Each structure stands twice: as C-alpha cells, then as structure tokens.
Amino acid sequence: MVRRLSFLLCSLLLATALPVNADSCTLRVAVAASFRPALEQVLPAFERGNTCPVQLSSGSSGVLYQQIVHRAPFDLFLSADRERPERLEKQGGVLGDSRRTYALGLLALWHPKSESEPEGLLQHWPDKIVLADPNLAPFGSAARQALESLGLWEKKQTQLAWAHNAGQAYLMLDSGNVQLGFVAASQMRAAGRENFWLLPQHWYHPIEQQLVIPIQSRQPEKAQALADYLRSPEVQAQLRDLGYGVLPAQRAGRGR
C-alpha cells in the first residue's frame, strides 16, 4: 500500500514538473493570406514573451469567415477587411468589444519591370491580369474597384484570371504564368520585390483590416494580448515599413 502511494505521489510530482501539453494552450489564429507574411515577421517578439505557441491558418477572409461562422476553433481572426468582422459582431459571434482595426492595406500592381504608368499599362495590356476573387478577398474587391474607376472592369473581363486569395495571386505571378496582376503592397515588400506600382488610394475604398476574438475562442486573454501587440506603436511602425498605411485616427467607440 505504501509502495503504491509512493508511486502515485511520484507520478503526480512528475506530471506537475512536465510542461503542459502545448496543444492545450496553443493560440490558433485565422489570418488573411495577404497579412500572413507581415504577421510572420512581427510574431517572434510576441512569442518570446509567451509560453504557448501560435498556430496560423491562412486563406481568403471570406473563407475564414465561413469557417468561424461554423465554429472552427480559432482564438483570433485577422481579416483583410472590416466587413467580415462587422458581420460576426452583428451575429453575436465575437467576444465583447473585441473588434478593432489593426492595419490599413495598400493595393499594388505587380508588373514585369515596365516603365509605363499603371493606368496606361492596364489600358493596353494584352495578356492575362490576375486578381484575387472579389467575392472572397478584400484585395480582390479593391482590384475590381480600381479597374472600375478606370472604366476597365467590363472591358478586361476575358483577360482576368481569378485567384482564391491575395496569397495565391502572388504565387501565380511569382511562378511567371501571369506577368501582371493585383497584390497587396505588403506582400511585395516582405519579399523584397521592387517590380510593382503602389496604386493611388482614391482608386479603391480604404482596405481597413480588422480583427475580432470569436466567441468560441479557448484563449481569449492570449488572443487579446496578441491583438494589443499588433496595435502597439512599435508594431505599427514595423507594419508601415512592410507596406501598410497609417491607421485611421483612433476614435472612441467600438470597432475603431
């Protein structure tokens, strides 16, 4: 009996000495494909101060939104727009007052090192033009708005090659299968590329990227810590260097 009790006591002490199963405290983040490269650059400093690992799942904001609606176990949602976080908030699918803007996306045009200005290049380009699906990806929607502002949306329909998200659009261009297309400026900066035009912001609606903590989050406190970290002055300065705009003036109230 004494031996059994001693064994149980040793087992208990050993269990408390071992690290907690990493999976039980993993912070699961759903991140828009366009923001993943920047997030991977600023994340190490956050992870150094936290014992639990961060697990990223990326895709178009529309697809990630649908997964969260169906209760996918994400702790934080970093959308590339404000539309999906607003929808989740109205549906009661987020925690408290968690919706905040964390970045301002900028639309870029990948070009084959052309000297032509963006408008003229788009007007006269004879081949395929890649863009993310406007119905799923905010950068695709912004690309459509840019083409509409130039009167080219209908004219270029047969030339458009749609990608699932901004990440896939970048890969299609990087492969050389398509030589002209719309991407996030941050993707180009993260890759150290210079063959792009930063498009005029009046060509498209502001790409205000927002985050929320889904109601099914298992790590709401850690999710909030990451949300605060991304909005900190230090990280915002890094994001501007990585191809993001200056956040709108912080105003009181939800979703600001």
Protein backbone atom coordinates (compact mmCIF):
# COMPACT_ATOMS: atom_id res chain seq x y z
CA MET A 1 0.00 0.00 0.00
CA VAL A 2 2.84 2.34 0.97
CA ARG A 3 4.71 1.49 -2.23
CA ARG A 4 1.59 2.18 -4.29
CA LEU A 5 1.02 5.50 -2.53
CA SER A 6 4.67 6.48 -3.10
CA PHE A 7 4.35 5.59 -6.80
CA LEU A 8 1.22 7.69 -7.18
CA LEU A 9 2.86 10.61 -5.38
CA CYS A 10 5.96 10.43 -7.59
CA SER A 11 3.78 10.24 -10.69
CA LEU A 12 1.85 13.33 -9.56
CA LEU A 13 5.04 15.28 -8.89
CA LEU A 14 6.47 14.26 -12.26
CA ALA A 15 3.29 15.32 -14.03
CA THR A 16 3.35 18.75 -12.42
CA ALA A 17 7.01 19.17 -13.32
CA LEU A 18 6.46 18.39 -17.01
CA PRO A 19 5.37 21.22 -19.37
CA VAL A 20 1.69 21.46 -20.12
CA ASN A 21 0.66 19.86 -23.41
CA ALA A 22 1.38 22.58 -25.97
CA ASP A 23 -1.85 21.81 -27.79
CA SER A 24 -3.88 22.73 -24.70
CA CYS A 25 -2.60 26.33 -24.78
CA THR A 26 -1.95 26.86 -28.49
CA LEU A 27 -3.21 30.22 -29.75
CA ARG A 28 -4.98 29.48 -33.03
CA VAL A 29 -5.06 32.47 -35.37
CA ALA A 30 -7.06 32.71 -38.61
CA VAL A 31 -5.18 35.25 -40.73
CA ALA A 32 -5.95 36.68 -44.16
CA ALA A 33 -3.44 35.38 -46.71
CA SER A 34 -2.25 38.89 -47.58
CA PHE A 35 -1.31 39.64 -43.95
CA ARG A 36 0.46 36.37 -43.15
CA PRO A 37 3.95 37.43 -44.41
CA ALA A 38 3.87 40.56 -42.25
CA LEU A 39 2.48 38.67 -39.26
CA GLU A 40 5.29 36.12 -39.51
CA GLN A 41 7.81 38.95 -39.31
CA VAL A 42 6.37 40.62 -36.19
CA LEU A 43 5.22 37.46 -34.39
CA PRO A 44 8.59 36.19 -33.00
CA ALA A 45 8.86 39.07 -30.50
CA PHE A 46 5.36 38.27 -29.22
CA GLU A 47 6.08 34.55 -28.98
CA ARG A 48 9.24 35.13 -26.96
CA GLY A 49 7.13 36.62 -24.19
CA ASN A 50 4.51 33.87 -24.23
CA THR A 51 4.83 30.22 -23.25
CA CYS A 52 2.20 28.96 -25.66
CA PRO A 53 2.84 28.59 -29.41
CA VAL A 54 0.88 30.47 -32.08
CA GLN A 55 -0.63 28.37 -34.87
CA LEU A 56 -1.54 30.18 -38.10
CA SER A 57 -4.23 29.21 -40.60
CA SER A 58 -4.43 31.47 -43.65
CA GLY A 59 -6.81 31.88 -46.56
CA SER A 60 -9.19 34.43 -48.02
CA SER A 61 -11.10 36.49 -45.48
CA GLY A 62 -14.38 35.17 -46.88
CA VAL A 63 -13.43 31.51 -46.44
CA LEU A 64 -12.05 32.08 -42.93
CA TYR A 65 -15.23 33.94 -42.03
CA GLN A 66 -17.35 30.97 -43.11
CA GLN A 67 -15.19 28.62 -41.05
CA ILE A 68 -15.64 30.80 -37.96
CA VAL A 69 -19.40 31.02 -38.53
CA HIS A 70 -19.41 27.21 -38.42
CA ARG A 71 -17.50 27.32 -35.11
CA ALA A 72 -13.98 26.48 -36.30
CA PRO A 73 -11.80 26.61 -33.14
CA PHE A 74 -9.98 29.87 -33.81
CA ASP A 75 -8.96 32.20 -31.00
CA LEU A 76 -8.36 35.30 -33.13
CA PHE A 77 -9.49 36.34 -36.61
CA LEU A 78 -7.32 38.79 -38.57
CA SER A 79 -9.40 39.75 -41.57
CA ALA A 80 -8.16 41.79 -44.52
CA ASP A 81 -11.33 43.90 -44.37
CA ARG A 82 -13.83 45.24 -41.86
CA GLU A 83 -16.90 43.69 -43.49
CA ARG A 84 -16.48 40.15 -42.13
CA PRO A 85 -15.62 41.20 -38.56
CA GLU A 86 -18.63 43.53 -38.59
CA ARG A 87 -20.86 40.67 -39.73
CA LEU A 88 -19.58 38.40 -36.99
CA GLU A 89 -20.16 41.12 -34.43
CA LYS A 90 -23.75 41.70 -35.60
CA GLN A 91 -24.36 37.94 -35.50
CA GLY A 92 -23.18 37.74 -31.90
CA GLY A 93 -20.22 35.63 -32.93
CA VAL A 94 -17.45 37.63 -31.21
CA LEU A 95 -16.48 38.40 -27.64
CA GLY A 96 -17.49 41.72 -26.19
CA ASP A 97 -15.93 44.81 -27.66
CA SER A 98 -13.13 42.97 -29.45
CA ARG A 99 -13.46 44.39 -32.98
CA ARG A 100 -10.55 46.68 -33.77
CA THR A 101 -8.63 47.94 -36.81
CA TYR A 102 -5.09 46.57 -36.82
CA ALA A 103 -3.79 47.56 -40.29
CA LEU A 104 -4.58 49.60 -43.39
CA GLY A 105 -3.93 47.58 -46.55
CA LEU A 106 -2.49 49.13 -49.70
CA LEU A 107 -3.16 47.79 -53.21
CA ALA A 108 -0.23 47.23 -55.56
CA LEU A 109 0.12 46.28 -59.21
CA TRP A 110 2.78 43.66 -59.97
CA HIS A 111 4.33 44.49 -63.34
CA PRO A 112 7.11 42.98 -65.50
CA LYS A 113 9.52 45.84 -64.72
CA SER A 114 7.64 48.12 -67.08
CA GLU A 115 8.30 51.84 -67.40
CA SER A 116 4.64 52.51 -68.21
CA GLU A 117 2.39 54.14 -65.65
CA PRO A 118 -0.24 51.84 -64.06
CA GLU A 119 -3.21 53.34 -65.91
CA GLY A 120 -1.60 53.06 -69.33
CA LEU A 121 -0.23 49.61 -68.57
CA LEU A 122 -3.66 48.30 -67.60
CA GLN A 123 -5.32 50.02 -70.56
CA HIS A 124 -3.08 48.41 -73.17
CA TRP A 125 -2.03 45.13 -71.55
CA PRO A 126 -2.91 42.31 -74.00
CA ASP A 127 -2.50 39.24 -71.76
CA LYS A 128 -3.94 37.87 -68.54
CA ILE A 129 -4.32 40.00 -65.42
CA VAL A 130 -4.52 38.18 -62.10
CA LEU A 131 -6.53 39.30 -59.09
CA ALA A 132 -7.98 37.65 -56.00
CA ASP A 133 -11.65 36.68 -56.11
CA PRO A 134 -13.54 39.95 -55.40
CA ASN A 135 -16.33 38.00 -53.68
CA LEU A 136 -13.99 36.40 -51.14
CA ALA A 137 -10.88 38.53 -50.80
CA PRO A 138 -10.75 42.25 -49.88
CA PHE A 139 -7.75 42.86 -52.14
CA GLY A 140 -9.72 41.32 -54.98
CA SER A 141 -12.60 43.66 -54.25
CA ALA A 142 -10.18 46.60 -54.21
CA ALA A 143 -8.73 45.45 -57.55
CA ARG A 144 -12.20 45.40 -59.04
CA GLN A 145 -12.86 48.92 -57.74
CA ALA A 146 -9.56 50.10 -59.25
CA LEU A 147 -10.48 48.68 -62.65
CA GLU A 148 -13.96 50.17 -62.40
CA SER A 149 -12.51 53.59 -61.57
CA LEU A 150 -10.50 53.36 -64.82
CA GLY A 151 -13.50 52.15 -66.83
CA LEU A 152 -11.79 48.82 -67.48
CA TRP A 153 -13.76 46.27 -65.47
CA GLU A 154 -16.13 45.24 -68.25
CA LYS A 155 -13.55 45.74 -70.99
CA LYS A 156 -11.00 43.39 -69.36
CA GLN A 157 -13.34 40.56 -68.32
CA THR A 158 -11.90 38.00 -70.75
CA GLN A 159 -8.37 38.76 -69.55
CA LEU A 160 -8.99 38.36 -65.83
CA ALA A 161 -7.53 35.33 -64.05
CA TRP A 162 -9.01 34.88 -60.57
CA ALA A 163 -7.10 33.52 -57.60
CA HIS A 164 -8.71 32.31 -54.38
CA ASN A 165 -6.93 34.97 -52.31
CA ALA A 166 -4.11 37.51 -52.40
CA GLY A 167 -1.59 34.86 -51.44
CA GLN A 168 -2.48 32.69 -54.42
CA ALA A 169 -2.45 35.73 -56.71
CA TYR A 170 1.10 36.43 -55.60
CA LEU A 171 2.14 32.81 -56.23
CA MET A 172 0.62 32.86 -59.72
CA LEU A 173 2.63 35.97 -60.56
CA ASP A 174 5.76 34.65 -58.89
CA SER A 175 5.56 31.47 -60.99
CA GLY A 176 5.72 33.54 -64.18
CA ASN A 177 2.45 32.08 -65.52
CA VAL A 178 0.96 35.59 -65.38
CA GLN A 179 3.01 38.78 -65.59
CA LEU A 180 0.57 41.46 -64.49
CA GLY A 181 -1.76 41.46 -61.52
CA PHE A 182 -3.05 42.97 -58.30
CA VAL A 183 -1.45 42.08 -54.98
CA ALA A 184 -1.00 43.58 -51.53
CA ALA A 185 1.87 46.04 -51.27
CA SER A 186 2.90 44.25 -48.09
CA GLN A 187 3.47 41.01 -50.00
CA MET A 188 5.89 42.75 -52.33
CA ARG A 189 7.73 44.50 -49.50
CA ALA A 190 8.00 41.29 -47.49
CA ALA A 191 9.57 39.55 -50.49
CA GLY A 192 11.94 42.45 -51.17
CA ARG A 193 10.50 42.99 -54.64
CA GLU A 194 10.57 46.32 -56.45
CA ASN A 195 8.61 45.47 -59.63
CA PHE A 196 5.31 46.98 -58.50
CA TRP A 197 3.34 50.18 -58.55
CA LEU A 198 1.66 51.40 -55.37
CA LEU A 199 -1.76 52.29 -56.74
CA PRO A 200 -3.50 55.61 -55.92
CA GLN A 201 -5.71 55.12 -52.87
CA HIS A 202 -8.56 57.07 -54.46
CA TRP A 203 -8.95 54.23 -56.98
CA TYR A 204 -10.42 51.95 -54.31
CA HIS A 205 -12.16 52.07 -50.95
CA PRO A 206 -9.86 52.02 -47.90
CA ILE A 207 -8.81 48.48 -47.01
CA GLU A 208 -9.38 48.79 -43.28
CA GLN A 209 -8.26 45.47 -41.82
CA GLN A 210 -9.97 44.46 -38.60
CA LEU A 211 -9.66 41.74 -36.01
CA VAL A 212 -12.11 40.05 -33.66
CA ILE A 213 -11.99 37.37 -30.98
CA PRO A 214 -14.53 34.67 -31.97
CA ILE A 215 -16.96 33.64 -29.28
CA GLN A 216 -15.61 30.07 -29.38
CA SER A 217 -12.07 31.22 -28.50
CA ARG A 218 -10.38 28.96 -25.94
CA GLN A 219 -7.63 31.50 -25.27
CA PRO A 220 -9.41 34.89 -25.15
CA GLU A 221 -6.83 36.52 -22.87
CA LYS A 222 -3.90 35.48 -25.07
CA ALA A 223 -5.88 36.50 -28.16
CA GLN A 224 -6.42 39.94 -26.63
CA ALA A 225 -2.72 40.16 -25.81
CA LEU A 226 -1.82 39.49 -29.45
CA ALA A 227 -4.46 41.99 -30.62
CA ASP A 228 -2.98 44.67 -28.35
CA TYR A 229 0.52 43.80 -29.51
CA LEU A 230 -0.42 44.26 -33.18
CA ARG A 231 -1.88 47.70 -32.45
CA SER A 232 1.12 48.86 -30.41
CA PRO A 233 3.16 51.81 -31.76
CA GLU A 234 6.24 49.62 -32.19
CA VAL A 235 4.45 47.05 -34.36
CA GLN A 236 2.55 49.72 -36.29
CA ALA A 237 5.89 51.32 -37.21
CA GLN A 238 7.11 47.93 -38.46
CA LEU A 239 3.91 47.42 -40.46
CA ARG A 240 4.35 50.76 -42.20
CA ASP A 241 7.83 49.64 -43.25
CA LEU A 242 6.25 46.41 -44.52
CA GLY A 243 3.85 48.16 -46.88
CA TYR A 244 0.85 49.14 -44.77
CA GLY A 245 -0.71 52.56 -44.42
CA VAL A 246 -1.13 54.69 -41.33
CA LEU A 247 -4.12 53.63 -39.26
CA PRO A 248 -7.11 55.98 -39.19
CA ALA A 249 -7.12 58.29 -36.18
CA GLN A 250 -8.11 56.25 -33.15
CA ARG A 251 -11.56 57.27 -32.07
CA ALA A 252 -13.58 56.22 -29.08
CA GLY A 253 -16.14 53.54 -29.67
CA ARG A 254 -16.45 50.05 -30.97
CA GLY A 255 -14.51 48.87 -33.98
CA ARG A 256 -12.08 51.80 -34.04
